[in-house]
N, C-alpha and C. Protein backbone atom coordinates (compact mmCIF):
# COMPACT_ATOMS: atom_id res chain seq x y z
N MET A 1 -63.03 89.55 155.54
CA MET A 1 -64.11 88.96 154.78
C MET A 1 -63.68 87.51 154.41
N PRO A 2 -64.53 86.55 154.81
CA PRO A 2 -64.17 85.14 154.50
C PRO A 2 -64.31 84.81 153.02
N VAL A 3 -63.53 83.87 152.60
CA VAL A 3 -63.62 83.28 151.27
C VAL A 3 -64.74 82.24 151.36
N THR A 4 -65.60 82.21 150.33
CA THR A 4 -66.69 81.23 150.37
C THR A 4 -66.48 80.20 149.22
N LEU A 5 -66.62 78.92 149.58
CA LEU A 5 -66.62 77.84 148.61
C LEU A 5 -67.99 77.20 148.64
N LYS A 6 -68.48 76.78 147.45
CA LYS A 6 -69.85 76.23 147.40
C LYS A 6 -69.93 75.18 146.30
N ASN A 7 -70.61 74.09 146.62
CA ASN A 7 -70.97 73.12 145.57
C ASN A 7 -72.45 72.70 145.84
N ASP A 8 -72.90 71.63 145.25
CA ASP A 8 -74.29 71.21 145.40
C ASP A 8 -74.60 70.74 146.80
N TYR A 9 -73.59 70.47 147.66
CA TYR A 9 -73.81 69.87 148.96
C TYR A 9 -73.41 70.81 150.12
N LEU A 10 -72.37 71.61 149.96
CA LEU A 10 -71.82 72.39 151.10
C LEU A 10 -71.58 73.84 150.72
N THR A 11 -71.65 74.67 151.74
CA THR A 11 -71.17 76.07 151.64
C THR A 11 -70.16 76.22 152.78
N VAL A 12 -68.96 76.59 152.43
CA VAL A 12 -67.84 76.68 153.40
C VAL A 12 -67.27 78.08 153.38
N LYS A 13 -67.02 78.61 154.56
CA LYS A 13 -66.38 79.94 154.71
C LYS A 13 -65.09 79.77 155.41
N ILE A 14 -64.04 80.42 154.88
CA ILE A 14 -62.67 80.31 155.38
C ILE A 14 -62.09 81.71 155.53
N ASN A 15 -61.63 82.06 156.72
CA ASN A 15 -61.00 83.36 156.95
C ASN A 15 -59.61 83.37 156.33
N GLN A 16 -59.26 84.53 155.82
CA GLN A 16 -57.88 84.72 155.32
C GLN A 16 -56.91 84.77 156.53
N LYS A 17 -57.38 85.30 157.67
CA LYS A 17 -56.53 85.26 158.88
C LYS A 17 -56.52 83.80 159.34
N GLY A 18 -55.34 83.24 159.33
CA GLY A 18 -55.19 81.87 159.81
C GLY A 18 -55.60 80.78 158.86
N ALA A 19 -56.13 81.17 157.65
CA ALA A 19 -56.66 80.17 156.70
C ALA A 19 -57.59 79.21 157.43
N GLU A 20 -58.42 79.75 158.31
CA GLU A 20 -59.21 78.96 159.21
C GLU A 20 -60.63 78.77 158.73
N ILE A 21 -61.11 77.57 158.64
CA ILE A 21 -62.49 77.27 158.31
C ILE A 21 -63.36 77.81 159.47
N VAL A 22 -64.31 78.68 159.15
CA VAL A 22 -65.19 79.24 160.15
C VAL A 22 -66.66 78.80 160.01
N SER A 23 -66.96 78.17 158.91
CA SER A 23 -68.34 77.70 158.75
C SER A 23 -68.36 76.58 157.68
N VAL A 24 -69.13 75.54 158.04
CA VAL A 24 -69.42 74.48 157.04
C VAL A 24 -70.92 74.17 157.19
N LYS A 25 -71.65 74.51 156.16
CA LYS A 25 -73.11 74.26 156.21
C LYS A 25 -73.56 73.35 155.08
N ASP A 26 -74.47 72.45 155.32
CA ASP A 26 -75.01 71.65 154.27
C ASP A 26 -76.16 72.45 153.63
N GLN A 27 -76.82 71.90 152.64
CA GLN A 27 -77.87 72.65 151.91
C GLN A 27 -79.12 72.85 152.76
N LYS A 28 -79.26 72.11 153.87
CA LYS A 28 -80.38 72.31 154.79
C LYS A 28 -80.10 73.45 155.77
N GLY A 29 -78.81 73.93 155.76
CA GLY A 29 -78.47 75.01 156.65
C GLY A 29 -77.84 74.54 158.02
N THR A 30 -77.62 73.25 158.16
CA THR A 30 -77.04 72.70 159.39
C THR A 30 -75.55 73.12 159.44
N GLU A 31 -75.17 73.74 160.54
CA GLU A 31 -73.76 74.19 160.74
C GLU A 31 -72.97 73.08 161.42
N TYR A 32 -71.77 72.81 160.88
CA TYR A 32 -70.91 71.70 161.43
C TYR A 32 -69.65 72.20 162.12
N ILE A 33 -69.45 73.51 162.18
CA ILE A 33 -68.23 74.06 162.81
C ILE A 33 -68.62 74.81 164.07
N TRP A 34 -67.81 74.64 165.10
CA TRP A 34 -67.99 75.34 166.36
C TRP A 34 -68.11 76.84 166.10
N GLY A 35 -69.03 77.51 166.79
CA GLY A 35 -69.39 78.92 166.56
C GLY A 35 -68.44 79.90 167.17
N ALA A 36 -67.35 79.50 167.84
CA ALA A 36 -66.36 80.40 168.40
C ALA A 36 -66.93 81.34 169.43
N ASN A 37 -67.66 80.76 170.38
CA ASN A 37 -68.21 81.56 171.51
C ASN A 37 -66.99 81.97 172.37
N LYS A 38 -66.72 83.29 172.40
CA LYS A 38 -65.55 83.78 173.12
C LYS A 38 -65.55 83.49 174.64
N GLU A 39 -66.74 83.26 175.15
CA GLU A 39 -66.84 82.90 176.58
C GLU A 39 -66.17 81.54 176.88
N TYR A 40 -66.12 80.66 175.88
CA TYR A 40 -65.57 79.33 176.05
C TYR A 40 -64.29 79.12 175.25
N TRP A 41 -64.35 79.40 173.96
CA TRP A 41 -63.18 79.22 173.06
C TRP A 41 -63.45 80.01 171.82
N LYS A 42 -62.55 80.94 171.48
CA LYS A 42 -62.78 81.92 170.41
C LYS A 42 -62.42 81.43 169.02
N ARG A 43 -61.92 80.22 168.90
CA ARG A 43 -61.52 79.73 167.58
C ARG A 43 -62.56 78.79 166.97
N HIS A 44 -62.39 78.53 165.71
CA HIS A 44 -63.28 77.57 164.96
C HIS A 44 -62.55 76.29 164.68
N ALA A 45 -61.60 76.32 163.77
CA ALA A 45 -60.81 75.17 163.39
C ALA A 45 -59.40 75.65 162.97
N PRO A 46 -58.59 76.08 163.92
CA PRO A 46 -57.31 76.72 163.56
C PRO A 46 -56.28 75.80 162.99
N ILE A 47 -55.39 76.39 162.20
CA ILE A 47 -54.21 75.73 161.68
C ILE A 47 -53.11 75.93 162.71
N LEU A 48 -52.54 74.86 163.20
CA LEU A 48 -51.46 74.97 164.22
C LEU A 48 -50.13 74.74 163.52
N PHE A 49 -49.32 75.75 163.53
CA PHE A 49 -47.99 75.70 162.91
C PHE A 49 -47.15 76.84 163.44
N PRO A 50 -45.90 76.66 163.70
CA PRO A 50 -45.02 75.50 163.50
C PRO A 50 -44.91 74.58 164.68
N ILE A 51 -45.78 74.79 165.72
CA ILE A 51 -45.80 73.88 166.83
C ILE A 51 -47.25 73.52 167.14
N VAL A 52 -47.42 72.36 167.77
CA VAL A 52 -48.71 71.94 168.28
C VAL A 52 -48.43 71.72 169.78
N GLY A 53 -49.12 72.52 170.59
CA GLY A 53 -48.81 72.52 172.02
C GLY A 53 -48.03 73.71 172.39
N ARG A 54 -47.24 73.66 173.46
CA ARG A 54 -46.51 74.82 173.89
C ARG A 54 -45.18 74.41 174.49
N PHE A 55 -44.24 75.31 174.44
CA PHE A 55 -42.97 75.13 175.12
C PHE A 55 -43.11 75.60 176.56
N GLN A 56 -42.29 75.02 177.44
CA GLN A 56 -42.28 75.48 178.83
C GLN A 56 -41.93 76.98 178.86
N ASP A 57 -42.75 77.76 179.53
CA ASP A 57 -42.62 79.20 179.64
C ASP A 57 -42.60 79.89 178.21
N ASP A 58 -43.13 79.16 177.21
CA ASP A 58 -43.21 79.69 175.82
C ASP A 58 -41.85 80.06 175.24
N ASP A 59 -40.79 79.45 175.75
CA ASP A 59 -39.42 79.70 175.26
C ASP A 59 -38.79 78.41 174.77
N TYR A 60 -37.89 78.58 173.78
CA TYR A 60 -37.08 77.45 173.33
C TYR A 60 -35.72 77.98 172.85
N ILE A 61 -34.78 77.07 172.75
CA ILE A 61 -33.45 77.40 172.28
C ILE A 61 -33.19 76.63 171.01
N TYR A 62 -32.72 77.30 169.95
CA TYR A 62 -32.31 76.64 168.72
C TYR A 62 -30.97 77.22 168.28
N ASP A 63 -30.04 76.40 168.01
CA ASP A 63 -28.73 76.82 167.52
C ASP A 63 -28.11 77.88 168.36
N GLY A 64 -28.27 77.70 169.71
CA GLY A 64 -27.65 78.65 170.65
C GLY A 64 -28.42 79.92 170.91
N ASN A 65 -29.53 80.15 170.21
CA ASN A 65 -30.32 81.37 170.34
C ASN A 65 -31.68 81.04 171.01
N SER A 66 -32.17 82.00 171.81
CA SER A 66 -33.40 81.80 172.51
C SER A 66 -34.51 82.51 171.75
N TYR A 67 -35.67 81.81 171.69
CA TYR A 67 -36.84 82.30 171.00
C TYR A 67 -38.07 82.18 171.87
N HIS A 68 -39.05 83.06 171.63
CA HIS A 68 -40.30 83.06 172.43
C HIS A 68 -41.46 82.86 171.45
N MET A 69 -42.18 81.74 171.64
CA MET A 69 -43.32 81.48 170.77
C MET A 69 -44.50 80.94 171.62
N TYR A 70 -45.66 81.50 171.38
CA TYR A 70 -46.85 81.13 172.18
C TYR A 70 -47.38 79.83 171.71
N GLN A 71 -48.30 79.28 172.51
CA GLN A 71 -48.97 78.02 172.26
C GLN A 71 -49.45 77.89 170.83
N HIS A 72 -49.14 76.79 170.20
CA HIS A 72 -49.60 76.41 168.87
C HIS A 72 -49.04 77.26 167.76
N GLY A 73 -48.05 78.08 168.03
CA GLY A 73 -47.37 78.85 166.96
C GLY A 73 -48.14 80.05 166.48
N PHE A 74 -47.80 80.52 165.26
CA PHE A 74 -48.31 81.81 164.80
C PHE A 74 -49.21 81.72 163.55
N ALA A 75 -49.29 80.60 162.94
CA ALA A 75 -50.08 80.50 161.65
C ALA A 75 -51.54 80.89 161.90
N ARG A 76 -52.11 80.47 163.03
CA ARG A 76 -53.53 80.73 163.26
C ARG A 76 -53.84 82.23 163.41
N ASP A 77 -52.84 83.03 163.68
CA ASP A 77 -53.01 84.46 163.86
C ASP A 77 -52.37 85.28 162.71
N SER A 78 -51.93 84.59 161.66
CA SER A 78 -51.25 85.26 160.55
C SER A 78 -52.23 85.49 159.36
N GLU A 79 -52.00 86.54 158.64
CA GLU A 79 -52.74 86.85 157.44
C GLU A 79 -52.16 86.09 156.28
N PHE A 80 -52.90 85.17 155.70
CA PHE A 80 -52.47 84.40 154.53
C PHE A 80 -52.81 85.15 153.26
N GLU A 81 -51.99 84.93 152.24
CA GLU A 81 -52.29 85.45 150.90
C GLU A 81 -53.24 84.40 150.22
N ILE A 82 -54.10 84.91 149.36
CA ILE A 82 -54.87 84.00 148.55
C ILE A 82 -54.22 83.85 147.20
N GLU A 83 -53.69 82.71 146.88
CA GLU A 83 -52.97 82.47 145.65
C GLU A 83 -53.88 82.15 144.51
N SER A 84 -54.97 81.41 144.79
CA SER A 84 -55.93 81.14 143.78
C SER A 84 -57.28 80.81 144.45
N HIS A 85 -58.39 81.07 143.71
CA HIS A 85 -59.71 80.86 144.31
C HIS A 85 -60.69 80.72 143.19
N ASN A 86 -61.51 79.64 143.31
CA ASN A 86 -62.68 79.57 142.40
C ASN A 86 -63.86 79.10 143.23
N LYS A 87 -64.90 78.68 142.61
CA LYS A 87 -66.15 78.35 143.31
C LYS A 87 -65.99 77.22 144.31
N THR A 88 -65.11 76.24 144.02
CA THR A 88 -65.02 75.06 144.90
C THR A 88 -63.65 74.83 145.53
N GLU A 89 -62.69 75.74 145.25
CA GLU A 89 -61.38 75.53 145.90
C GLU A 89 -60.62 76.84 146.08
N VAL A 90 -59.71 76.83 147.06
CA VAL A 90 -58.91 78.00 147.36
C VAL A 90 -57.53 77.54 147.82
N ASN A 91 -56.50 78.33 147.50
CA ASN A 91 -55.16 78.01 147.98
C ASN A 91 -54.66 79.26 148.69
N PHE A 92 -54.32 79.08 150.00
CA PHE A 92 -53.75 80.10 150.83
C PHE A 92 -52.24 79.89 150.98
N MET A 93 -51.49 80.98 151.14
CA MET A 93 -50.02 80.88 151.29
C MET A 93 -49.56 81.80 152.42
N LEU A 94 -48.67 81.26 153.25
CA LEU A 94 -47.99 82.06 154.27
C LEU A 94 -46.52 81.90 154.02
N HIS A 95 -45.83 83.05 153.83
CA HIS A 95 -44.39 83.06 153.66
C HIS A 95 -43.73 83.48 154.97
N SER A 96 -42.55 82.95 155.26
CA SER A 96 -41.78 83.47 156.39
C SER A 96 -41.44 84.94 156.10
N ASN A 97 -41.26 85.70 157.15
CA ASN A 97 -40.96 87.10 157.01
C ASN A 97 -40.16 87.55 158.26
N ALA A 98 -39.86 88.81 158.34
CA ALA A 98 -39.03 89.30 159.48
C ALA A 98 -39.73 89.02 160.80
N ALA A 99 -41.03 89.19 160.87
CA ALA A 99 -41.75 88.90 162.10
C ALA A 99 -41.74 87.43 162.49
N THR A 100 -41.92 86.52 161.54
CA THR A 100 -41.92 85.12 161.86
C THR A 100 -40.50 84.67 162.27
N ARG A 101 -39.49 85.21 161.57
CA ARG A 101 -38.12 84.78 161.88
C ARG A 101 -37.64 85.22 163.27
N LYS A 102 -38.30 86.23 163.89
CA LYS A 102 -37.93 86.64 165.23
C LYS A 102 -38.35 85.56 166.23
N ILE A 103 -39.35 84.77 165.88
CA ILE A 103 -39.84 83.73 166.82
C ILE A 103 -39.60 82.33 166.32
N TYR A 104 -39.26 82.18 165.02
CA TYR A 104 -39.11 80.90 164.39
C TYR A 104 -38.05 81.11 163.29
N PRO A 105 -36.78 80.69 163.54
CA PRO A 105 -35.65 81.11 162.68
C PRO A 105 -35.49 80.34 161.38
N PHE A 106 -36.59 80.04 160.70
CA PHE A 106 -36.53 79.28 159.45
C PHE A 106 -37.26 80.03 158.37
N ASN A 107 -36.78 79.84 157.13
CA ASN A 107 -37.42 80.38 155.94
C ASN A 107 -38.31 79.28 155.35
N PHE A 108 -39.58 79.61 155.19
CA PHE A 108 -40.56 78.59 154.74
C PHE A 108 -41.63 79.22 153.92
N ASN A 109 -42.35 78.36 153.23
CA ASN A 109 -43.67 78.65 152.66
C ASN A 109 -44.64 77.62 153.17
N LEU A 110 -45.79 78.08 153.63
CA LEU A 110 -46.83 77.19 154.10
C LEU A 110 -48.08 77.36 153.21
N SER A 111 -48.45 76.33 152.47
CA SER A 111 -49.58 76.37 151.57
C SER A 111 -50.72 75.55 152.17
N ILE A 112 -51.90 76.10 152.20
CA ILE A 112 -53.09 75.39 152.66
C ILE A 112 -54.10 75.43 151.51
N HIS A 113 -54.50 74.25 151.00
CA HIS A 113 -55.38 74.15 149.93
C HIS A 113 -56.66 73.44 150.37
N TYR A 114 -57.81 74.10 150.12
CA TYR A 114 -59.09 73.50 150.47
C TYR A 114 -59.86 73.26 149.13
N GLU A 115 -60.46 72.06 149.02
CA GLU A 115 -61.23 71.78 147.85
C GLU A 115 -62.49 70.98 148.20
N LEU A 116 -63.62 71.45 147.75
CA LEU A 116 -64.88 70.72 148.03
C LEU A 116 -64.95 69.51 147.09
N ASP A 117 -65.30 68.39 147.67
CA ASP A 117 -65.46 67.11 146.94
C ASP A 117 -66.76 66.50 147.43
N GLU A 118 -67.84 66.80 146.74
CA GLU A 118 -69.18 66.43 147.11
C GLU A 118 -69.47 66.80 148.58
N HIS A 119 -69.63 65.84 149.51
CA HIS A 119 -69.99 66.13 150.85
C HIS A 119 -68.77 66.32 151.78
N THR A 120 -67.59 66.43 151.26
CA THR A 120 -66.38 66.52 152.05
C THR A 120 -65.53 67.75 151.59
N ILE A 121 -64.61 68.11 152.48
CA ILE A 121 -63.61 69.18 152.16
C ILE A 121 -62.22 68.49 152.23
N ALA A 122 -61.57 68.44 151.09
CA ALA A 122 -60.18 67.93 151.07
C ALA A 122 -59.25 69.05 151.48
N VAL A 123 -58.33 68.77 152.36
CA VAL A 123 -57.37 69.75 152.82
C VAL A 123 -55.97 69.26 152.56
N GLU A 124 -55.19 70.06 151.88
CA GLU A 124 -53.79 69.71 151.60
C GLU A 124 -52.92 70.83 152.16
N MET A 125 -51.94 70.42 152.97
CA MET A 125 -51.02 71.33 153.59
C MET A 125 -49.60 70.99 153.12
N VAL A 126 -48.89 71.98 152.62
CA VAL A 126 -47.51 71.73 152.14
C VAL A 126 -46.61 72.74 152.85
N VAL A 127 -45.60 72.24 153.53
CA VAL A 127 -44.61 73.09 154.17
C VAL A 127 -43.35 72.93 153.34
N GLU A 128 -42.87 74.07 152.83
CA GLU A 128 -41.65 74.08 152.06
C GLU A 128 -40.54 74.77 152.83
N ASN A 129 -39.44 73.99 153.00
CA ASN A 129 -38.27 74.54 153.66
C ASN A 129 -37.40 75.17 152.61
N ILE A 130 -37.20 76.50 152.73
CA ILE A 130 -36.43 77.22 151.68
C ILE A 130 -34.97 77.09 151.85
N ASN A 131 -34.49 76.75 153.03
CA ASN A 131 -33.07 76.60 153.26
C ASN A 131 -32.62 75.15 153.13
N PRO A 132 -31.30 74.95 152.96
CA PRO A 132 -30.82 73.56 152.81
C PRO A 132 -30.73 72.83 154.17
N ASP A 133 -30.69 73.56 155.29
CA ASP A 133 -30.63 72.96 156.62
C ASP A 133 -31.98 72.41 157.07
N PRO A 134 -31.98 71.39 157.95
CA PRO A 134 -33.27 70.91 158.43
C PRO A 134 -34.11 71.97 159.10
N MET A 135 -35.41 71.84 158.92
CA MET A 135 -36.39 72.75 159.55
C MET A 135 -37.30 71.88 160.41
N TYR A 136 -37.45 72.28 161.65
CA TYR A 136 -38.23 71.48 162.57
C TYR A 136 -39.60 72.12 162.76
N PHE A 137 -40.67 71.32 162.65
CA PHE A 137 -42.03 71.85 162.82
C PHE A 137 -43.03 70.70 163.03
N PHE A 138 -44.19 71.08 163.55
CA PHE A 138 -45.34 70.22 163.65
C PHE A 138 -46.46 71.03 162.96
N ILE A 139 -47.48 70.32 162.49
CA ILE A 139 -48.62 70.99 161.93
C ILE A 139 -49.87 70.26 162.39
N GLY A 140 -50.87 71.03 162.77
CA GLY A 140 -52.09 70.40 163.23
C GLY A 140 -53.30 70.98 162.54
N SER A 141 -54.18 70.11 162.06
CA SER A 141 -55.43 70.47 161.45
C SER A 141 -56.02 69.20 160.85
N PRO A 142 -57.36 69.18 160.61
CA PRO A 142 -57.93 67.98 159.95
C PRO A 142 -57.44 67.92 158.52
N SER A 143 -57.28 66.73 158.00
CA SER A 143 -56.88 66.54 156.60
C SER A 143 -58.10 66.38 155.67
N ARG A 144 -59.19 66.02 156.25
CA ARG A 144 -60.43 65.88 155.50
C ARG A 144 -61.60 66.11 156.46
N ILE A 145 -62.50 66.95 156.02
CA ILE A 145 -63.61 67.27 156.90
C ILE A 145 -64.88 66.75 156.23
């Protein structure tokens, strides 16, 4: 079930899976997000983390260990927690866990915050490295819609 945000100008729906925006409509009902036609491309506006793109053969080596991660990482297919939600904003959180550490050996918190601001959606992404060692990542998504 998507989370809905609404103000006087926009109605926005965001899936908990992937913290992905799936609909942005103005008050006239005009849709601004791709409809995810599975025949062409099944996504709407995915969050790409911890990589943007892909590794050769979907494999990489870090600190002498081999890992297998598919194109654009795992955030877009992960179930995010809802930390807070009101009429015009929501904060999603993804924590590292045993499954993520099998393919990405870092402890992290990924926070995605959406807030309606009149005719726009402000997006704030915060990646927290829980360990003292460097953590390597890329993140992809619009910062303002």
